[in-house]
């Protein structure tokens, strides 16, 4: 019995490590793609595109396996929140260059590659924030929510500041009324989306467990 529990914990930790590593890897990939034309050319080669897609697929698969392991009712809401965030982020990253809001070196690669890499990197940042919130919520939900809000309040002006520096250096340009403030609002909105989704699904799952809805007395009906 103890051996099976130990093995289960090891699998759990391995899946968790794969998910976190997969998310963190995209920060390095995005940084290279953002500022380096030579790195973009490497990313555009078929073997590297395959490796990039494989990394995303492995991360998604590990997250799915981790979420559906028994004994942790809040994992599925977490995974669903991240998958929804990924869909929104990738769609937005495909829309903006197509509309013409963003121009420059960072947006020189083919649009599908941009949407995939930049969208998944934003998803990764939001996922790591939500993961930290999930850990803190185990100690104190209010403190976790306050910490999440403080981080977003700090990230918003930091995003505006870093965007303005990049614009001044000519790394890229914003057009058609788009601005660093709009970009900061976009990131904050994207970070709020998984939190809201996670909390709504988690609380619904707690109120209505899979084995049956709760009666007012608190007992399952089926």
C-alpha atoms as a PDB file:
ATOM      1  CA  UNK A   1       0.000   0.000   0.000  1.00  0.00           C
ATOM      2  CA  UNK A   2       2.790   2.381   0.960  1.00  0.00           C
ATOM      3  CA  UNK A   3       4.676   1.519  -2.227  1.00  0.00           C
ATOM      4  CA  UNK A   4       1.660   2.294  -4.391  1.00  0.00           C
ATOM      5  CA  UNK A   5       1.146   5.625  -2.625  1.00  0.00           C
ATOM      6  CA  UNK A   6       4.827   6.478  -3.051  1.00  0.00           C
ATOM      7  CA  UNK A   7       4.702   5.563  -6.747  1.00  0.00           C
ATOM      8  CA  UNK A   8       1.560   7.668  -7.188  1.00  0.00           C
ATOM      9  CA  UNK A   9       3.241  10.670  -5.585  1.00  0.00           C
ATOM     10  CA  UNK A  10       6.257  10.242  -7.832  1.00  0.00           C
ATOM     11  CA  UNK A  11       4.080  10.186 -10.940  1.00  0.00           C
ATOM     12  CA  UNK A  12       2.240  13.230  -9.623  1.00  0.00           C
ATOM     13  CA  UNK A  13       5.471  15.146  -9.086  1.00  0.00           C
ATOM     14  CA  UNK A  14       6.843  14.096 -12.470  1.00  0.00           C
ATOM     15  CA  UNK A  15       3.723  15.315 -14.286  1.00  0.00           C
ATOM     16  CA  UNK A  16       3.781  18.553 -12.310  1.00  0.00           C
ATOM     17  CA  UNK A  17       7.473  19.095 -13.150  1.00  0.00           C
ATOM     18  CA  UNK A  18       6.821  18.479 -16.857  1.00  0.00           C
ATOM     19  CA  UNK A  19       3.968  21.006 -16.849  1.00  0.00           C
ATOM     20  CA  UNK A  20       6.004  23.714 -15.088  1.00  0.00           C
ATOM     21  CA  UNK A  21       9.081  23.071 -17.264  1.00  0.00           C
ATOM     22  CA  UNK A  22       6.953  23.222 -20.395  1.00  0.00           C
ATOM     23  CA  UNK A  23       5.513  26.559 -19.359  1.00  0.00           C
ATOM     24  CA  UNK A  24       8.881  28.045 -18.359  1.00  0.00           C
ATOM     25  CA  UNK A  25      10.583  26.961 -21.591  1.00  0.00           C
ATOM     26  CA  UNK A  26       8.409  29.288 -23.629  1.00  0.00           C
ATOM     27  CA  UNK A  27       9.778  32.371 -21.888  1.00  0.00           C
ATOM     28  CA  UNK A  28      13.190  31.618 -23.405  1.00  0.00           C
ATOM     29  CA  UNK A  29      11.710  30.783 -26.824  1.00  0.00           C
ATOM     30  CA  UNK A  30       9.633  33.967 -26.901  1.00  0.00           C
ATOM     31  CA  UNK A  31      12.554  36.179 -25.874  1.00  0.00           C
ATOM     32  CA  UNK A  32      14.657  34.847 -28.752  1.00  0.00           C
ATOM     33  CA  UNK A  33      11.815  35.179 -31.244  1.00  0.00           C
ATOM     34  CA  UNK A  34      10.988  38.689 -30.042  1.00  0.00           C
ATOM     35  CA  UNK A  35      14.404  40.246 -30.628  1.00  0.00           C
ATOM     36  CA  UNK A  36      16.478  38.008 -32.921  1.00  0.00           C
ATOM     37  CA  UNK A  37      15.962  37.612 -36.662  1.00  0.00           C
ATOM     38  CA  UNK A  38      18.407  34.694 -36.789  1.00  0.00           C
ATOM     39  CA  UNK A  39      16.492  32.927 -34.009  1.00  0.00           C
ATOM     40  CA  UNK A  40      13.271  33.469 -35.942  1.00  0.00           C
ATOM     41  CA  UNK A  41      14.797  31.802 -38.981  1.00  0.00           C
ATOM     42  CA  UNK A  42      15.747  28.810 -36.845  1.00  0.00           C
ATOM     43  CA  UNK A  43      12.212  28.615 -35.417  1.00  0.00           C
ATOM     44  CA  UNK A  44      10.744  28.679 -38.936  1.00  0.00           C
ATOM     45  CA  UNK A  45      12.565  25.494 -39.967  1.00  0.00           C
ATOM     46  CA  UNK A  46      10.259  22.427 -40.098  1.00  0.00           C
ATOM     47  CA  UNK A  47      12.164  20.344 -37.482  1.00  0.00           C
ATOM     48  CA  UNK A  48      12.092  23.204 -34.946  1.00  0.00           C
ATOM     49  CA  UNK A  49       8.415  23.913 -35.639  1.00  0.00           C
ATOM     50  CA  UNK A  50       7.738  20.222 -34.986  1.00  0.00           C
ATOM     51  CA  UNK A  51       9.754  20.386 -31.759  1.00  0.00           C
ATOM     52  CA  UNK A  52       7.870  23.517 -30.639  1.00  0.00           C
ATOM     53  CA  UNK A  53       4.481  21.947 -31.340  1.00  0.00           C
ATOM     54  CA  UNK A  54       5.627  18.761 -29.594  1.00  0.00           C
ATOM     55  CA  UNK A  55       6.655  20.733 -26.503  1.00  0.00           C
ATOM     56  CA  UNK A  56       3.204  22.328 -26.328  1.00  0.00           C
ATOM     57  CA  UNK A  57       1.525  18.955 -26.887  1.00  0.00           C
ATOM     58  CA  UNK A  58       3.595  17.289 -24.153  1.00  0.00           C
ATOM     59  CA  UNK A  59       2.779  20.102 -21.731  1.00  0.00           C
ATOM     60  CA  UNK A  60      -0.943  19.863 -22.518  1.00  0.00           C
ATOM     61  CA  UNK A  61      -0.922  16.069 -22.194  1.00  0.00           C
ATOM     62  CA  UNK A  62       0.963  16.186 -18.875  1.00  0.00           C
ATOM     63  CA  UNK A  63      -1.431  18.848 -17.578  1.00  0.00           C
ATOM     64  CA  UNK A  64      -4.401  16.715 -18.632  1.00  0.00           C
ATOM     65  CA  UNK A  65      -3.015  13.606 -16.903  1.00  0.00           C
ATOM     66  CA  UNK A  66      -2.163  15.611 -13.775  1.00  0.00           C
ATOM     67  CA  UNK A  67      -5.627  17.173 -13.697  1.00  0.00           C
ATOM     68  CA  UNK A  68      -7.524  13.888 -13.973  1.00  0.00           C
ATOM     69  CA  UNK A  69      -5.671  12.049 -11.237  1.00  0.00           C
ATOM     70  CA  UNK A  70      -7.951  11.250  -8.307  1.00  0.00           C
ATOM     71  CA  UNK A  71      -7.963  12.942  -4.935  1.00  0.00           C
ATOM     72  CA  UNK A  72      -7.693  16.568  -6.056  1.00  0.00           C
ATOM     73  CA  UNK A  73     -11.059  18.022  -6.996  1.00  0.00           C
ATOM     74  CA  UNK A  74      -9.682  21.435  -8.005  1.00  0.00           C
ATOM     75  CA  UNK A  75      -7.284  20.149 -10.653  1.00  0.00           C
ATOM     76  CA  UNK A  76      -9.817  19.753 -13.435  1.00  0.00           C
ATOM     77  CA  UNK A  77     -11.074  23.333 -13.039  1.00  0.00           C
ATOM     78  CA  UNK A  78      -7.439  24.453 -13.123  1.00  0.00           C
ATOM     79  CA  UNK A  79      -6.736  22.594 -16.372  1.00  0.00           C
ATOM     80  CA  UNK A  80      -9.962  23.773 -18.024  1.00  0.00           C
ATOM     81  CA  UNK A  81      -9.131  27.368 -17.043  1.00  0.00           C
ATOM     82  CA  UNK A  82      -5.698  27.065 -18.668  1.00  0.00           C
ATOM     83  CA  UNK A  83      -7.061  25.476 -21.856  1.00  0.00           C
ATOM     84  CA  UNK A  84      -9.641  28.262 -22.190  1.00  0.00           C
ATOM     85  CA  UNK A  85      -6.954  30.895 -21.615  1.00  0.00           C
ATOM     86  CA  UNK A  86      -4.774  29.282 -24.291  1.00  0.00           C
ATOM     87  CA  UNK A  87      -7.595  29.402 -26.837  1.00  0.00           C
ATOM     88  CA  UNK A  88      -8.252  33.096 -26.132  1.00  0.00           C
ATOM     89  CA  UNK A  89      -4.545  34.042 -26.110  1.00  0.00           C
ATOM     90  CA  UNK A  90      -3.719  32.258 -29.371  1.00  0.00           C
ATOM     91  CA  UNK A  91      -6.783  33.733 -31.091  1.00  0.00           C
ATOM     92  CA  UNK A  92      -5.870  37.253 -29.923  1.00  0.00           C
ATOM     93  CA  UNK A  93      -2.251  36.867 -30.986  1.00  0.00           C
ATOM     94  CA  UNK A  94      -3.459  35.816 -34.436  1.00  0.00           C
ATOM     95  CA  UNK A  95      -5.945  38.697 -34.661  1.00  0.00           C
ATOM     96  CA  UNK A  96      -3.729  41.646 -33.763  1.00  0.00           C
ATOM     97  CA  UNK A  97      -1.020  41.326 -36.453  1.00  0.00           C
ATOM     98  CA  UNK A  98      -3.700  40.474 -39.014  1.00  0.00           C
ATOM     99  CA  UNK A  99      -5.601  43.660 -38.137  1.00  0.00           C
ATOM    100  CA  UNK A 100      -2.358  45.646 -38.262  1.00  0.00           C
ATOM    101  CA  UNK A 101      -2.047  46.767 -34.637  1.00  0.00           C
ATOM    102  CA  UNK A 102       1.483  45.338 -34.302  1.00  0.00           C
ATOM    103  CA  UNK A 103       4.415  45.713 -36.698  1.00  0.00           C
ATOM    104  CA  UNK A 104       8.153  45.146 -36.590  1.00  0.00           C
ATOM    105  CA  UNK A 105      10.813  42.488 -36.086  1.00  0.00           C
ATOM    106  CA  UNK A 106       8.884  40.607 -33.402  1.00  0.00           C
ATOM    107  CA  UNK A 107       6.005  40.097 -35.829  1.00  0.00           C
ATOM    108  CA  UNK A 108       8.016  39.139 -38.906  1.00  0.00           C
ATOM    109  CA  UNK A 109       7.529  35.344 -38.584  1.00  0.00           C
ATOM    110  CA  UNK A 110       4.523  33.660 -40.218  1.00  0.00           C
ATOM    111  CA  UNK A 111       1.263  34.462 -38.453  1.00  0.00           C
ATOM    112  CA  UNK A 112       0.497  30.872 -37.337  1.00  0.00           C
ATOM    113  CA  UNK A 113       3.932  30.629 -35.678  1.00  0.00           C
ATOM    114  CA  UNK A 114       3.448  33.997 -33.977  1.00  0.00           C
ATOM    115  CA  UNK A 115       0.025  33.049 -32.662  1.00  0.00           C
ATOM    116  CA  UNK A 116       1.249  29.694 -31.379  1.00  0.00           C
ATOM    117  CA  UNK A 117       4.457  30.865 -29.685  1.00  0.00           C
ATOM    118  CA  UNK A 118       3.289  34.209 -28.303  1.00  0.00           C
ATOM    119  CA  UNK A 119      -0.145  32.872 -27.392  1.00  0.00           C
ATOM    120  CA  UNK A 120       1.257  29.902 -25.511  1.00  0.00           C
ATOM    121  CA  UNK A 121       3.863  32.093 -23.769  1.00  0.00           C
ATOM    122  CA  UNK A 122       1.085  34.353 -22.455  1.00  0.00           C
ATOM    123  CA  UNK A 123      -0.829  31.252 -21.421  1.00  0.00           C
ATOM    124  CA  UNK A 124       2.269  30.005 -19.607  1.00  0.00           C
ATOM    125  CA  UNK A 125       2.614  33.274 -17.665  1.00  0.00           C
ATOM    126  CA  UNK A 126      -1.066  33.201 -16.697  1.00  0.00           C
ATOM    127  CA  UNK A 127      -0.819  29.506 -15.749  1.00  0.00           C
ATOM    128  CA  UNK A 128       2.171  30.070 -13.460  1.00  0.00           C
ATOM    129  CA  UNK A 129       0.318  32.938 -11.773  1.00  0.00           C
ATOM    130  CA  UNK A 130      -2.745  30.748 -11.270  1.00  0.00           C
ATOM    131  CA  UNK A 131      -0.570  27.919  -9.994  1.00  0.00           C
ATOM    132  CA  UNK A 132       0.940  30.230  -7.378  1.00  0.00           C
ATOM    133  CA  UNK A 133      -2.581  31.365  -6.453  1.00  0.00           C
ATOM    134  CA  UNK A 134      -3.701  27.747  -6.059  1.00  0.00           C
ATOM    135  CA  UNK A 135      -0.808  27.004  -3.691  1.00  0.00           C
ATOM    136  CA  UNK A 136      -1.407  30.161  -1.611  1.00  0.00           C
ATOM    137  CA  UNK A 137      -5.152  29.522  -1.493  1.00  0.00           C
ATOM    138  CA  UNK A 138      -4.400  26.313   0.405  1.00  0.00           C
ATOM    139  CA  UNK A 139      -3.130  28.468   3.259  1.00  0.00           C
ATOM    140  CA  UNK A 140      -5.562  31.374   2.999  1.00  0.00           C
ATOM    141  CA  UNK A 141      -7.999  32.161   0.149  1.00  0.00           C
ATOM    142  CA  UNK A 142      -8.236  35.880   0.945  1.00  0.00           C
ATOM    143  CA  UNK A 143      -4.470  36.276   1.166  1.00  0.00           C
ATOM    144  CA  UNK A 144      -4.094  34.422  -2.140  1.00  0.00           C
ATOM    145  CA  UNK A 145      -6.635  36.671  -3.868  1.00  0.00           C
ATOM    146  CA  UNK A 146      -4.996  39.803  -2.452  1.00  0.00           C
ATOM    147  CA  UNK A 147      -1.563  38.595  -3.570  1.00  0.00           C
ATOM    148  CA  UNK A 148      -2.890  37.892  -7.074  1.00  0.00           C
ATOM    149  CA  UNK A 149      -4.394  41.378  -7.281  1.00  0.00           C
ATOM    150  CA  UNK A 150      -1.165  43.018  -6.069  1.00  0.00           C
ATOM    151  CA  UNK A 151       0.899  41.121  -8.661  1.00  0.00           C
ATOM    152  CA  UNK A 152      -1.428  42.273 -11.452  1.00  0.00           C
ATOM    153  CA  UNK A 153      -1.331  45.866 -10.191  1.00  0.00           C
ATOM    154  CA  UNK A 154       2.463  45.737 -10.331  1.00  0.00           C
ATOM    155  CA  UNK A 155       2.634  43.993 -13.700  1.00  0.00           C
ATOM    156  CA  UNK A 156       0.347  46.486 -15.455  1.00  0.00           C
ATOM    157  CA  UNK A 157       2.635  49.548 -15.101  1.00  0.00           C
ATOM    158  CA  UNK A 158       5.710  47.347 -15.607  1.00  0.00           C
ATOM    159  CA  UNK A 159       4.241  46.199 -18.930  1.00  0.00           C
ATOM    160  CA  UNK A 160       3.587  49.788 -20.018  1.00  0.00           C
ATOM    161  CA  UNK A 161       7.130  50.805 -19.046  1.00  0.00           C
ATOM    162  CA  UNK A 162       8.806  47.890 -20.873  1.00  0.00           C
ATOM    163  CA  UNK A 163       6.624  48.375 -23.959  1.00  0.00           C
ATOM    164  CA  UNK A 164       7.584  52.051 -24.198  1.00  0.00           C
ATOM    165  CA  UNK A 165      11.279  51.165 -24.016  1.00  0.00           C
ATOM    166  CA  UNK A 166      10.881  48.595 -26.803  1.00  0.00           C
ATOM    167  CA  UNK A 167       8.959  51.100 -28.915  1.00  0.00           C
ATOM    168  CA  UNK A 168      11.683  53.719 -28.435  1.00  0.00           C
ATOM    169  CA  UNK A 169      14.351  51.185 -29.435  1.00  0.00           C
ATOM    170  CA  UNK A 170      12.401  50.269 -32.562  1.00  0.00           C
ATOM    171  CA  UNK A 171      11.905  46.599 -31.667  1.00  0.00           C
ATOM    172  CA  UNK A 172       8.333  46.918 -32.940  1.00  0.00           C
ATOM    173  CA  UNK A 173       5.608  49.515 -33.447  1.00  0.00           C
ATOM    174  CA  UNK A 174       1.971  49.891 -32.461  1.00  0.00           C
ATOM    175  CA  UNK A 175      -0.450  51.225 -35.053  1.00  0.00           C
ATOM    176  CA  UNK A 176      -4.130  52.107 -35.543  1.00  0.00           C
ATOM    177  CA  UNK A 177      -4.550  53.479 -32.035  1.00  0.00           C
ATOM    178  CA  UNK A 178      -3.044  50.512 -30.192  1.00  0.00           C
ATOM    179  CA  UNK A 179      -0.817  51.542 -27.255  1.00  0.00           C
ATOM    180  CA  UNK A 180       1.185  50.131 -24.322  1.00  0.00           C
ATOM    181  CA  UNK A 181      -1.779  50.856 -22.049  1.00  0.00           C
ATOM    182  CA  UNK A 182      -4.056  48.707 -24.204  1.00  0.00           C
ATOM    183  CA  UNK A 183      -1.457  45.953 -24.189  1.00  0.00           C
ATOM    184  CA  UNK A 184      -1.231  46.082 -20.387  1.00  0.00           C
ATOM    185  CA  UNK A 185      -5.030  45.896 -20.128  1.00  0.00           C
ATOM    186  CA  UNK A 186      -4.991  42.907 -22.463  1.00  0.00           C
ATOM    187  CA  UNK A 187      -2.473  41.067 -20.297  1.00  0.00           C
ATOM    188  CA  UNK A 188      -4.351  41.852 -17.067  1.00  0.00           C
ATOM    189  CA  UNK A 189      -7.607  40.661 -18.644  1.00  0.00           C
ATOM    190  CA  UNK A 190      -5.916  37.469 -19.784  1.00  0.00           C
ATOM    191  CA  UNK A 191      -4.576  36.871 -16.266  1.00  0.00           C
ATOM    192  CA  UNK A 192      -8.002  37.464 -14.696  1.00  0.00           C
ATOM    193  CA  UNK A 193      -9.757  35.054 -17.103  1.00  0.00           C
ATOM    194  CA  UNK A 194      -8.215  31.819 -15.735  1.00  0.00           C
ATOM    195  CA  UNK A 195      -8.709  32.944 -12.141  1.00  0.00           C
ATOM    196  CA  UNK A 196     -12.425  33.585 -12.676  1.00  0.00           C
ATOM    197  CA  UNK A 197     -12.856  30.369 -14.661  1.00  0.00           C
ATOM    198  CA  UNK A 198     -10.992  28.333 -12.055  1.00  0.00           C
ATOM    199  CA  UNK A 199     -12.939  29.719  -9.106  1.00  0.00           C
ATOM    200  CA  UNK A 200     -16.342  29.359 -10.798  1.00  0.00           C
ATOM    201  CA  UNK A 201     -15.681  25.760 -11.824  1.00  0.00           C
ATOM    202  CA  UNK A 202     -14.022  24.846  -8.527  1.00  0.00           C
ATOM    203  CA  UNK A 203     -16.908  26.165  -6.452  1.00  0.00           C
ATOM    204  CA  UNK A 204     -19.474  24.559  -8.728  1.00  0.00           C
ATOM    205  CA  UNK A 205     -17.668  21.238  -8.489  1.00  0.00           C
ATOM    206  CA  UNK A 206     -17.545  21.572  -4.706  1.00  0.00           C
ATOM    207  CA  UNK A 207     -21.268  22.354  -4.523  1.00  0.00           C
ATOM    208  CA  UNK A 208     -22.232  19.611  -6.986  1.00  0.00           C
ATOM    209  CA  UNK A 209     -19.811  16.678  -6.674  1.00  0.00           C
ATOM    210  CA  UNK A 210     -19.662  14.170  -9.552  1.00  0.00           C
ATOM    211  CA  UNK A 211     -21.371  11.438  -7.479  1.00  0.00           C
ATOM    212  CA  UNK A 212     -24.554  13.500  -7.172  1.00  0.00           C
ATOM    213  CA  UNK A 213     -25.966  16.865  -6.261  1.00  0.00           C
ATOM    214  CA  UNK A 214     -26.094  17.845  -2.646  1.00  0.00           C
ATOM    215  CA  UNK A 215     -29.373  18.049  -0.807  1.00  0.00           C
ATOM    216  CA  UNK A 216     -29.895  21.064   1.480  1.00  0.00           C
ATOM    217  CA  UNK A 217     -28.836  18.776   4.341  1.00  0.00           C
ATOM    218  CA  UNK A 218     -25.504  18.300   2.612  1.00  0.00           C
ATOM    219  CA  UNK A 219     -25.945  14.629   1.618  1.00  0.00           C
ATOM    220  CA  UNK A 220     -25.493  13.412  -1.961  1.00  0.00           C
ATOM    221  CA  UNK A 221     -28.687  12.522  -3.794  1.00  0.00           C
ATOM    222  CA  UNK A 222     -27.296   9.601  -5.749  1.00  0.00           C
END
